[in-house]
């Protein structure tokens, strides 16, 4: 954040921002990468809010997410993925949370991911996108433990 002589250092330019988004209902993964419907569960935020306005000077941040994957029907599944989405796109070089269930009957795993980033001033949206590579079988994401936490600092 750049500051010039005479600038007002208002709270939005000095204070960090953090919030958590959670998957609201169980979701069955498909071969098509799909944006998940997330709900903000952070006290003080509107429940549907998945965006934030970054003040002048921009902010740096850390996204931490995890997917609660569950193999509900065994088959030929090579990978279930969960990706961070910022402003409608997966950031270049951002890692995926990836699970290969190995076709273990009713297998379940919570797989994490994290990514540091910088944001310019303005409105930015956040989310998660999921997909599965399969020719047969079924993987679901369970709510509550499928979540995204955003930490932003001036």
N, C-alpha and C. Protein backbone atom coordinates (compact mmCIF):
# COMPACT_ATOMS: atom_id res chain seq x y z
N UNK A 1 0.85 -1.17 0.00
CA UNK A 1 0.00 0.00 0.00
C UNK A 1 0.89 1.22 0.00
N UNK A 2 0.69 2.11 -0.99
CA UNK A 2 1.48 3.34 -1.03
C UNK A 2 0.74 4.45 -0.28
N UNK A 3 1.50 5.25 0.42
CA UNK A 3 0.93 6.35 1.19
C UNK A 3 1.73 7.60 0.87
N UNK A 4 1.02 8.67 0.54
CA UNK A 4 1.67 9.95 0.26
C UNK A 4 1.42 10.91 1.42
N UNK A 5 2.25 11.93 1.52
CA UNK A 5 2.08 12.93 2.57
C UNK A 5 0.68 13.52 2.47
N UNK A 6 -0.01 13.62 3.59
CA UNK A 6 -1.34 14.20 3.63
C UNK A 6 -2.45 13.19 3.40
N UNK A 7 -2.14 11.95 3.05
CA UNK A 7 -3.17 10.92 2.85
C UNK A 7 -3.85 10.59 4.18
N UNK A 8 -5.15 10.38 4.11
CA UNK A 8 -5.88 9.90 5.28
C UNK A 8 -5.72 8.39 5.36
N UNK A 9 -5.28 7.90 6.51
CA UNK A 9 -5.15 6.47 6.71
C UNK A 9 -6.43 5.97 7.38
N UNK A 10 -7.42 5.71 6.56
CA UNK A 10 -8.72 5.27 7.06
C UNK A 10 -8.68 3.79 7.40
N UNK A 11 -9.64 3.34 8.19
CA UNK A 11 -9.69 1.94 8.61
C UNK A 11 -9.65 0.97 7.43
N UNK A 12 -10.39 1.22 6.32
CA UNK A 12 -10.33 0.27 5.22
C UNK A 12 -8.93 0.13 4.62
N UNK A 13 -8.09 1.17 4.78
CA UNK A 13 -6.73 1.09 4.22
C UNK A 13 -5.75 0.45 5.19
N UNK A 14 -6.15 0.26 6.44
CA UNK A 14 -5.24 -0.28 7.45
C UNK A 14 -5.62 -1.65 7.97
N UNK A 15 -6.90 -1.97 7.98
CA UNK A 15 -7.37 -3.18 8.63
C UNK A 15 -7.38 -4.40 7.71
N UNK A 16 -7.00 -5.54 8.25
CA UNK A 16 -7.12 -6.77 7.47
C UNK A 16 -8.59 -7.17 7.31
N UNK A 17 -8.85 -8.02 6.33
CA UNK A 17 -10.20 -8.54 6.07
C UNK A 17 -10.08 -10.06 6.06
N UNK A 18 -10.99 -10.75 6.71
CA UNK A 18 -11.00 -12.21 6.63
C UNK A 18 -12.44 -12.69 6.67
N UNK A 19 -12.70 -13.77 5.95
CA UNK A 19 -14.02 -14.39 5.96
C UNK A 19 -13.93 -15.82 5.48
N UNK A 20 -14.98 -16.60 5.79
CA UNK A 20 -15.02 -18.00 5.39
C UNK A 20 -16.30 -18.30 4.63
N UNK A 21 -16.13 -19.06 3.54
CA UNK A 21 -17.24 -19.52 2.72
C UNK A 21 -17.33 -21.03 2.84
N UNK A 22 -18.57 -21.55 2.93
CA UNK A 22 -18.76 -23.00 3.03
C UNK A 22 -19.74 -23.48 1.97
N UNK A 23 -19.54 -24.73 1.56
CA UNK A 23 -20.48 -25.38 0.67
C UNK A 23 -21.78 -25.56 1.46
N UNK A 24 -22.91 -25.15 0.87
CA UNK A 24 -24.18 -25.16 1.58
C UNK A 24 -24.90 -26.50 1.58
N UNK A 25 -24.64 -27.35 0.59
CA UNK A 25 -25.33 -28.64 0.48
C UNK A 25 -24.40 -29.62 -0.23
N UNK A 26 -24.63 -30.90 -0.01
CA UNK A 26 -23.80 -31.92 -0.67
C UNK A 26 -23.86 -31.74 -2.18
N UNK A 27 -22.72 -31.91 -2.84
CA UNK A 27 -22.62 -31.69 -4.28
C UNK A 27 -22.00 -32.91 -4.95
N UNK A 28 -22.64 -33.41 -6.01
CA UNK A 28 -22.10 -34.53 -6.79
C UNK A 28 -21.23 -33.97 -7.91
N UNK A 29 -19.96 -34.36 -7.93
CA UNK A 29 -19.03 -33.86 -8.93
C UNK A 29 -19.36 -34.43 -10.31
N UNK A 30 -19.08 -33.63 -11.34
CA UNK A 30 -19.24 -34.04 -12.73
C UNK A 30 -17.91 -33.85 -13.44
N UNK A 31 -17.83 -34.33 -14.67
CA UNK A 31 -16.61 -34.18 -15.46
C UNK A 31 -16.39 -32.73 -15.89
N UNK A 32 -17.43 -31.92 -15.84
CA UNK A 32 -17.33 -30.51 -16.19
C UNK A 32 -16.99 -29.70 -14.93
N UNK A 33 -15.91 -28.93 -14.99
CA UNK A 33 -15.55 -28.08 -13.86
C UNK A 33 -16.68 -27.09 -13.60
N UNK A 34 -17.22 -27.11 -12.38
CA UNK A 34 -18.41 -26.34 -12.03
C UNK A 34 -18.15 -25.49 -10.80
N UNK A 35 -18.58 -24.22 -10.87
CA UNK A 35 -18.48 -23.34 -9.71
C UNK A 35 -19.46 -23.81 -8.64
N UNK A 36 -19.00 -23.91 -7.41
CA UNK A 36 -19.84 -24.36 -6.31
C UNK A 36 -20.61 -23.19 -5.71
N UNK A 37 -21.77 -23.49 -5.17
CA UNK A 37 -22.56 -22.49 -4.46
C UNK A 37 -22.09 -22.46 -3.01
N UNK A 38 -21.48 -21.35 -2.63
CA UNK A 38 -20.93 -21.19 -1.30
C UNK A 38 -21.71 -20.15 -0.52
N UNK A 39 -21.73 -20.31 0.79
CA UNK A 39 -22.41 -19.37 1.68
C UNK A 39 -21.39 -18.81 2.65
N UNK A 40 -21.43 -17.49 2.85
CA UNK A 40 -20.53 -16.87 3.81
C UNK A 40 -21.03 -17.16 5.21
N UNK A 41 -20.22 -17.78 6.03
CA UNK A 41 -20.61 -18.14 7.39
C UNK A 41 -19.91 -17.29 8.44
N UNK A 42 -19.32 -16.17 8.00
CA UNK A 42 -18.59 -15.30 8.91
C UNK A 42 -19.54 -14.32 9.58
N UNK A 43 -19.46 -14.24 10.89
CA UNK A 43 -20.32 -13.30 11.62
C UNK A 43 -20.07 -11.88 11.10
N UNK A 44 -21.15 -11.14 10.88
CA UNK A 44 -21.05 -9.76 10.42
C UNK A 44 -21.13 -9.60 8.92
N UNK A 45 -21.07 -10.69 8.16
CA UNK A 45 -21.21 -10.63 6.70
C UNK A 45 -22.59 -11.15 6.31
N UNK A 46 -23.11 -10.61 5.23
CA UNK A 46 -24.38 -11.14 4.70
C UNK A 46 -24.13 -12.57 4.24
N UNK A 47 -25.11 -13.45 4.43
CA UNK A 47 -24.90 -14.87 4.15
C UNK A 47 -24.57 -15.16 2.69
N UNK A 48 -25.01 -14.34 1.76
CA UNK A 48 -24.74 -14.61 0.35
C UNK A 48 -23.48 -13.95 -0.18
N UNK A 49 -22.76 -13.20 0.66
CA UNK A 49 -21.61 -12.44 0.21
C UNK A 49 -20.41 -13.34 -0.07
N UNK A 50 -19.93 -13.31 -1.31
CA UNK A 50 -18.71 -14.05 -1.67
C UNK A 50 -17.69 -13.10 -2.28
N UNK A 51 -17.88 -11.80 -2.05
CA UNK A 51 -16.97 -10.82 -2.62
C UNK A 51 -16.58 -9.78 -1.56
N UNK A 52 -15.58 -8.98 -1.92
CA UNK A 52 -15.08 -7.96 -1.01
C UNK A 52 -14.58 -6.79 -1.86
N UNK A 53 -14.65 -5.59 -1.30
CA UNK A 53 -14.11 -4.42 -1.97
C UNK A 53 -12.75 -4.11 -1.34
N UNK A 54 -11.72 -4.16 -2.16
CA UNK A 54 -10.36 -3.88 -1.71
C UNK A 54 -10.12 -2.38 -1.83
N UNK A 55 -9.62 -1.74 -0.76
CA UNK A 55 -9.40 -0.30 -0.80
C UNK A 55 -8.22 0.10 -1.67
N UNK A 56 -8.12 1.40 -1.89
CA UNK A 56 -7.01 1.98 -2.66
C UNK A 56 -5.68 1.45 -2.12
N UNK A 57 -4.78 1.14 -3.01
CA UNK A 57 -3.47 0.62 -2.62
C UNK A 57 -3.39 -0.90 -2.71
N UNK A 58 -4.55 -1.57 -2.80
CA UNK A 58 -4.57 -3.01 -2.94
C UNK A 58 -4.27 -3.74 -1.64
N UNK A 59 -4.29 -5.06 -1.71
CA UNK A 59 -4.03 -5.91 -0.55
C UNK A 59 -3.35 -7.19 -1.02
N UNK A 60 -2.64 -7.81 -0.09
CA UNK A 60 -2.12 -9.15 -0.34
C UNK A 60 -2.99 -10.12 0.46
N UNK A 61 -3.02 -11.36 0.02
CA UNK A 61 -3.89 -12.29 0.70
C UNK A 61 -3.40 -13.72 0.66
N UNK A 62 -4.11 -14.54 1.40
CA UNK A 62 -3.89 -15.97 1.43
C UNK A 62 -5.25 -16.64 1.38
N UNK A 63 -5.42 -17.54 0.42
CA UNK A 63 -6.63 -18.36 0.34
C UNK A 63 -6.27 -19.75 0.86
N UNK A 64 -7.10 -20.27 1.74
CA UNK A 64 -6.94 -21.62 2.27
C UNK A 64 -8.27 -22.33 2.06
N UNK A 65 -8.24 -23.46 1.35
CA UNK A 65 -9.48 -24.17 1.08
C UNK A 65 -9.29 -25.65 1.30
N UNK A 66 -10.42 -26.36 1.43
CA UNK A 66 -10.37 -27.81 1.56
C UNK A 66 -11.64 -28.40 1.01
N UNK A 67 -11.50 -29.61 0.49
CA UNK A 67 -12.64 -30.35 -0.02
C UNK A 67 -12.84 -31.61 0.79
N UNK A 68 -14.07 -31.84 1.23
CA UNK A 68 -14.44 -33.06 1.95
C UNK A 68 -15.02 -34.02 0.92
N UNK A 69 -14.14 -34.79 0.27
CA UNK A 69 -14.51 -35.70 -0.82
C UNK A 69 -15.00 -37.03 -0.27
N UNK A 70 -16.01 -37.61 -0.92
CA UNK A 70 -16.50 -38.93 -0.52
C UNK A 70 -16.85 -39.73 -1.77
N UNK A 71 -16.26 -40.91 -1.89
CA UNK A 71 -16.59 -41.83 -2.98
C UNK A 71 -17.88 -42.53 -2.60
N UNK A 72 -18.97 -42.22 -3.31
CA UNK A 72 -20.27 -42.80 -2.97
C UNK A 72 -20.61 -43.99 -3.87
N UNK A 73 -19.98 -44.09 -5.05
CA UNK A 73 -20.15 -45.23 -5.94
C UNK A 73 -18.79 -45.54 -6.56
N UNK A 74 -18.26 -46.74 -6.28
CA UNK A 74 -16.97 -47.12 -6.83
C UNK A 74 -17.07 -47.23 -8.35
N UNK A 75 -15.94 -47.05 -9.02
CA UNK A 75 -15.89 -47.12 -10.47
C UNK A 75 -14.49 -46.82 -10.96
N UNK A 76 -14.40 -46.16 -12.10
CA UNK A 76 -13.11 -45.80 -12.67
C UNK A 76 -12.91 -44.31 -12.48
N UNK A 77 -12.35 -43.94 -11.35
CA UNK A 77 -12.15 -42.53 -11.00
C UNK A 77 -10.66 -42.31 -10.80
N UNK A 78 -10.10 -41.34 -11.53
CA UNK A 78 -8.67 -41.09 -11.40
C UNK A 78 -8.35 -39.87 -10.56
N UNK A 79 -9.25 -38.88 -10.52
CA UNK A 79 -8.97 -37.69 -9.71
C UNK A 79 -10.23 -36.86 -9.53
N UNK A 80 -10.43 -36.40 -8.30
CA UNK A 80 -11.45 -35.41 -8.00
C UNK A 80 -10.69 -34.15 -7.62
N UNK A 81 -11.05 -33.00 -8.19
CA UNK A 81 -10.29 -31.77 -7.97
C UNK A 81 -11.17 -30.65 -7.43
N UNK A 82 -10.54 -29.78 -6.65
CA UNK A 82 -11.18 -28.59 -6.11
C UNK A 82 -10.21 -27.44 -6.30
N UNK A 83 -10.65 -26.40 -7.02
CA UNK A 83 -9.79 -25.26 -7.35
C UNK A 83 -10.32 -23.97 -6.77
N UNK A 84 -9.38 -23.09 -6.40
CA UNK A 84 -9.69 -21.72 -6.00
C UNK A 84 -10.13 -20.93 -7.24
N UNK A 85 -11.12 -20.06 -7.07
CA UNK A 85 -11.56 -19.16 -8.14
C UNK A 85 -11.53 -17.74 -7.59
N UNK A 86 -10.82 -16.84 -8.30
CA UNK A 86 -10.81 -15.42 -7.95
C UNK A 86 -11.27 -14.66 -9.17
N UNK A 87 -12.28 -13.85 -9.01
CA UNK A 87 -12.84 -13.04 -10.10
C UNK A 87 -13.23 -13.90 -11.31
N UNK A 88 -13.81 -15.07 -11.03
CA UNK A 88 -14.35 -15.93 -12.08
C UNK A 88 -13.36 -16.84 -12.76
N UNK A 89 -12.09 -16.85 -12.34
CA UNK A 89 -11.09 -17.69 -13.00
C UNK A 89 -10.18 -18.36 -11.96
N UNK A 90 -9.67 -19.52 -12.33
CA UNK A 90 -8.68 -20.19 -11.50
C UNK A 90 -7.34 -19.47 -11.71
N UNK A 91 -6.68 -18.98 -10.64
CA UNK A 91 -5.41 -18.27 -10.81
C UNK A 91 -4.35 -19.15 -11.49
N UNK A 92 -3.60 -18.55 -12.39
CA UNK A 92 -2.51 -19.26 -13.07
C UNK A 92 -1.54 -19.81 -12.04
N UNK A 93 -1.19 -21.05 -12.19
CA UNK A 93 -0.24 -21.77 -11.32
C UNK A 93 -0.76 -22.07 -9.92
N UNK A 94 -2.02 -21.74 -9.61
CA UNK A 94 -2.56 -22.08 -8.30
C UNK A 94 -2.76 -23.60 -8.23
N UNK A 95 -2.40 -24.22 -7.10
CA UNK A 95 -2.56 -25.66 -6.98
C UNK A 95 -4.02 -26.07 -6.81
N UNK A 96 -4.31 -27.29 -7.16
CA UNK A 96 -5.63 -27.87 -6.92
C UNK A 96 -5.56 -28.76 -5.69
N UNK A 97 -6.68 -28.88 -4.98
CA UNK A 97 -6.81 -29.93 -3.97
C UNK A 97 -7.28 -31.15 -4.76
N UNK A 98 -6.47 -32.21 -4.78
CA UNK A 98 -6.74 -33.38 -5.62
C UNK A 98 -6.85 -34.64 -4.77
N UNK A 99 -7.88 -35.44 -5.08
CA UNK A 99 -8.06 -36.72 -4.38
C UNK A 99 -8.25 -37.83 -5.39
N UNK A 100 -7.46 -38.88 -5.27
CA UNK A 100 -7.63 -40.11 -6.04
C UNK A 100 -8.17 -41.15 -5.07
N UNK A 101 -9.46 -41.48 -5.18
CA UNK A 101 -10.08 -42.35 -4.18
C UNK A 101 -9.62 -43.80 -4.23
N UNK A 102 -8.96 -44.21 -5.31
CA UNK A 102 -8.51 -45.59 -5.39
C UNK A 102 -9.65 -46.59 -5.35
N UNK A 103 -10.86 -46.10 -5.58
CA UNK A 103 -12.06 -46.94 -5.58
C UNK A 103 -12.26 -47.74 -4.31
N UNK A 104 -11.89 -47.14 -3.19
CA UNK A 104 -12.16 -47.73 -1.88
C UNK A 104 -13.62 -47.48 -1.56
N UNK A 105 -14.37 -48.52 -1.32
CA UNK A 105 -15.81 -48.39 -1.07
C UNK A 105 -16.08 -47.40 0.05
N UNK A 106 -16.87 -46.39 -0.25
CA UNK A 106 -17.26 -45.33 0.69
C UNK A 106 -16.04 -44.59 1.25
N UNK A 107 -14.95 -44.51 0.48
CA UNK A 107 -13.76 -43.79 0.90
C UNK A 107 -14.05 -42.31 1.08
N UNK A 108 -13.37 -41.68 2.02
CA UNK A 108 -13.60 -40.25 2.29
C UNK A 108 -12.28 -39.61 2.72
N UNK A 109 -12.05 -38.38 2.24
CA UNK A 109 -10.84 -37.65 2.62
C UNK A 109 -11.10 -36.16 2.53
N UNK A 110 -10.47 -35.42 3.44
CA UNK A 110 -10.53 -33.97 3.40
C UNK A 110 -9.16 -33.49 2.93
N UNK A 111 -9.13 -32.87 1.73
CA UNK A 111 -7.89 -32.50 1.07
C UNK A 111 -7.78 -30.97 1.04
N UNK A 112 -6.65 -30.41 1.52
CA UNK A 112 -6.49 -28.95 1.57
C UNK A 112 -5.72 -28.38 0.38
N UNK A 113 -5.83 -27.08 0.22
CA UNK A 113 -5.04 -26.31 -0.73
C UNK A 113 -4.85 -24.91 -0.18
N UNK A 114 -3.82 -24.20 -0.66
CA UNK A 114 -3.61 -22.81 -0.23
C UNK A 114 -2.87 -22.07 -1.34
N UNK A 115 -3.05 -20.73 -1.37
CA UNK A 115 -2.44 -19.93 -2.43
C UNK A 115 -2.31 -18.48 -1.96
N UNK A 116 -1.09 -17.90 -2.01
CA UNK A 116 -0.91 -16.47 -1.73
C UNK A 116 -1.19 -15.67 -3.00
N UNK A 117 -1.69 -14.46 -2.85
CA UNK A 117 -2.03 -13.65 -4.02
C UNK A 117 -2.03 -12.17 -3.66
N UNK A 118 -2.09 -11.33 -4.68
CA UNK A 118 -2.20 -9.88 -4.51
C UNK A 118 -3.42 -9.41 -5.27
N UNK A 119 -4.12 -8.43 -4.72
CA UNK A 119 -5.32 -7.87 -5.37
C UNK A 119 -5.18 -6.37 -5.50
N UNK A 120 -5.55 -5.85 -6.65
CA UNK A 120 -5.62 -4.40 -6.86
C UNK A 120 -6.89 -3.88 -6.20
N UNK A 121 -6.96 -2.57 -6.03
CA UNK A 121 -8.17 -1.95 -5.47
C UNK A 121 -9.37 -2.28 -6.36
N UNK A 122 -10.54 -2.43 -5.73
CA UNK A 122 -11.77 -2.71 -6.47
C UNK A 122 -12.49 -3.90 -5.89
N UNK A 123 -13.57 -4.30 -6.55
CA UNK A 123 -14.39 -5.42 -6.09
C UNK A 123 -13.85 -6.73 -6.64
N UNK A 124 -13.74 -7.72 -5.77
CA UNK A 124 -13.23 -9.03 -6.15
C UNK A 124 -14.12 -10.12 -5.58
N UNK A 125 -14.33 -11.17 -6.37
CA UNK A 125 -15.15 -12.29 -5.91
C UNK A 125 -14.28 -13.53 -5.72
N UNK A 126 -14.75 -14.43 -4.86
CA UNK A 126 -14.01 -15.64 -4.51
C UNK A 126 -14.94 -16.84 -4.56
N UNK A 127 -14.39 -18.00 -4.86
CA UNK A 127 -15.19 -19.21 -4.88
C UNK A 127 -14.33 -20.44 -5.07
N UNK A 128 -15.01 -21.56 -5.28
CA UNK A 128 -14.37 -22.84 -5.52
C UNK A 128 -15.01 -23.48 -6.74
N UNK A 129 -14.21 -24.25 -7.48
CA UNK A 129 -14.68 -24.96 -8.68
C UNK A 129 -14.25 -26.41 -8.55
N UNK A 130 -15.16 -27.34 -8.84
CA UNK A 130 -14.87 -28.77 -8.66
C UNK A 130 -15.16 -29.56 -9.93
N UNK A 131 -14.42 -30.68 -10.08
CA UNK A 131 -14.64 -31.60 -11.19
C UNK A 131 -14.10 -32.97 -10.80
N UNK A 132 -14.45 -33.98 -11.60
CA UNK A 132 -13.95 -35.33 -11.37
C UNK A 132 -13.63 -35.96 -12.73
N UNK A 133 -12.52 -36.71 -12.77
CA UNK A 133 -12.16 -37.46 -13.98
C UNK A 133 -12.60 -38.90 -13.77
N UNK A 134 -13.59 -39.34 -14.55
CA UNK A 134 -14.13 -40.68 -14.37
C UNK A 134 -14.78 -41.19 -15.64
N UNK A 135 -14.88 -42.51 -15.73
CA UNK A 135 -15.72 -43.10 -16.77
C UNK A 135 -16.88 -43.84 -16.11
N UNK A 136 -16.75 -44.13 -14.81
CA UNK A 136 -17.85 -44.66 -14.02
C UNK A 136 -17.57 -44.35 -12.56
N UNK A 137 -18.59 -44.39 -11.73
CA UNK A 137 -18.46 -44.10 -10.31
C UNK A 137 -19.02 -42.73 -9.96
N UNK A 138 -18.94 -42.39 -8.68
CA UNK A 138 -19.49 -41.10 -8.23
C UNK A 138 -18.75 -40.61 -7.00
N UNK A 139 -18.39 -39.31 -7.03
CA UNK A 139 -17.74 -38.65 -5.90
C UNK A 139 -18.58 -37.44 -5.53
N UNK A 140 -18.79 -37.25 -4.23
CA UNK A 140 -19.53 -36.09 -3.74
C UNK A 140 -18.63 -35.25 -2.84
N UNK A 141 -18.96 -33.96 -2.76
CA UNK A 141 -18.34 -33.06 -1.79
C UNK A 141 -19.35 -32.84 -0.68
N UNK A 142 -18.92 -33.03 0.55
CA UNK A 142 -19.80 -32.82 1.69
C UNK A 142 -19.72 -31.37 2.16
N UNK A 143 -20.86 -30.82 2.62
CA UNK A 143 -20.85 -29.43 3.10
C UNK A 143 -20.10 -29.31 4.42
N UNK A 144 -20.01 -28.14 4.91
CA UNK A 144 -19.34 -27.72 6.14
C UNK A 144 -17.84 -27.81 6.04
N UNK A 145 -17.28 -29.01 5.78
CA UNK A 145 -15.83 -29.14 5.72
C UNK A 145 -15.28 -28.84 4.33
N UNK A 146 -16.16 -28.61 3.35
CA UNK A 146 -15.73 -28.08 2.06
C UNK A 146 -15.87 -26.58 2.18
N UNK A 147 -14.74 -25.88 2.28
CA UNK A 147 -14.80 -24.46 2.61
C UNK A 147 -13.60 -23.71 2.06
N UNK A 148 -13.72 -22.40 2.08
CA UNK A 148 -12.68 -21.49 1.61
C UNK A 148 -12.54 -20.36 2.61
N UNK A 149 -11.33 -20.14 3.09
CA UNK A 149 -11.06 -19.01 3.99
C UNK A 149 -10.16 -18.02 3.25
N UNK A 150 -10.53 -16.75 3.33
CA UNK A 150 -9.77 -15.68 2.69
C UNK A 150 -9.23 -14.74 3.77
N UNK A 151 -7.93 -14.47 3.71
CA UNK A 151 -7.28 -13.54 4.62
C UNK A 151 -6.61 -12.46 3.76
N UNK A 152 -7.00 -11.18 3.94
CA UNK A 152 -6.45 -10.08 3.16
C UNK A 152 -5.79 -9.08 4.12
N UNK A 153 -4.61 -8.60 3.71
CA UNK A 153 -3.87 -7.62 4.52
C UNK A 153 -3.41 -6.46 3.65
N UNK A 154 -3.47 -5.23 4.20
CA UNK A 154 -3.01 -4.06 3.44
C UNK A 154 -1.53 -4.15 3.11
